[in-house]
Structures are given as C-alpha cells and as structure tokens.
C-alpha cells in the first residue's frame, strides 16, 4: 500500500540556495515534508537525525561531494535502504557508475522540471523494498547464503558486502537459478522504467558482482541477458 505524501519526508541536499528553494517549494506543494541541507557534510548529519524516506543529493558540492556523502549515509545503521537519488548537472557515465557503486538508486539531471521530478520520485518511492517475511530472510544456494535483511551474502562462511544495486541484481538472478533474465527485464526490475541509465550499467554491475562472488556463478547468454548457476547443482 503506497504511503501518502504527507507521511513521507524528503531530505534535499544542494549547495545552491536557488535550487533548494525551487525544489523545496515544489515538493511541499505536492504535500511532502521537506528538510534541507546545503553541504554534503550537513546532509549526512541531517540524514542521521531526520531518517528521511528519500534523499535528493547534489553530486557537485564543495568540501564533501554527493558521492562521498552517499557513501557515509549508506554506512549508517538504519539508512542502508533509504532511497537516494542524485541531482547532477553532468551527464558523464563515470559519475553515474561511481554513484551506483556507493549505493545510489537513481540519477536525475539538472535542470529538472518540477512535474518530471515529482513523477520520478513517486516511481522511486513505489519501488521501495518492503521488509521480507521472516521465512525469506536467508536463502541458501550451494555454498552461498543470501541475507536479504542485511544486504550481504556469505560464500563458504565468509561475508561479502554488496552495494544495494549489486545485491538486488544478484537477488533477482538467484531467485530463479538457471532462468535467463533478459537485459530489458533486468533493467525494468532493478532500475525501473522511469530511470534512464546507460546500457553499460548492467554490464558494470555484473562485472563487479563476478569480481566479488566468482565468475562461474553468473553466465552471459550472448545477445539475450544473464543467468545464475548454482555452483553445486
């Protein structure tokens, strides 16, 4: 069941007062509760205090940029699953990949039209992961245990921490070992149709996953997509 706007707190972090004013105004008009911070460092502190449902984070800020702030927020207990979207004036791929590495959920390019922004935020809030039922918290596949609640996996008893998107990608592939997931299906399920990410995003995440869990578990099906193979089956 979707939460109403009045029950949702959004933290907006940007060093440009005009942007803070315009976006705050528009989000409040939609009924959201809005808190603001004008630097990465202040953003991290506010996030710890306020525990927002969603954080809009500018990438380019003096002192502590958005990427570093995101990393700090993700390390804070209780904020591991908070939705974080970057506001960025740069379209380069590398900043997106860096952002997804530290656990960002989306990228929104500035300048952004208020209507576009609110529809993107609604889509993100709809995708918020619900806490799994107790029975599903740990899934065992051969020598790998997937811990859904804590966003990490254990391989042969050794814990491997994964950024959120890598974890969700692994969770999707491992939910049906042997099934081939098409690239479109992966894009839709993990990033959502609202999110404009480059085609390379999936490949980068797959590469990083393989580095951490071993090459043999995720197979590439050329021109189609990827599948997970249980190493013990």
Foldseek 3Di string as FASTA:
>chain_A
DADQQQVFEEEEEAQDPVVVVVLCVLSVVSNHHYHYHNALVVSLVCCVVVVGQEYEAEQDGPPAGRLRSLLSQCVDPSSVQRAYEYEYQDDDQVVVLSNVQSAHQAYDYPPDDSVLVVVVVSQVSVLRDDDDDPVPQWDDFAQKIQGNNVQWMAGVNRIDHGHPLLSVLCCVQVVDAPDFDFLVNSCCNRRNPSGDHDSCNVVVSLVVNCVGPNDPQWDADPPGGIHGHRPVD
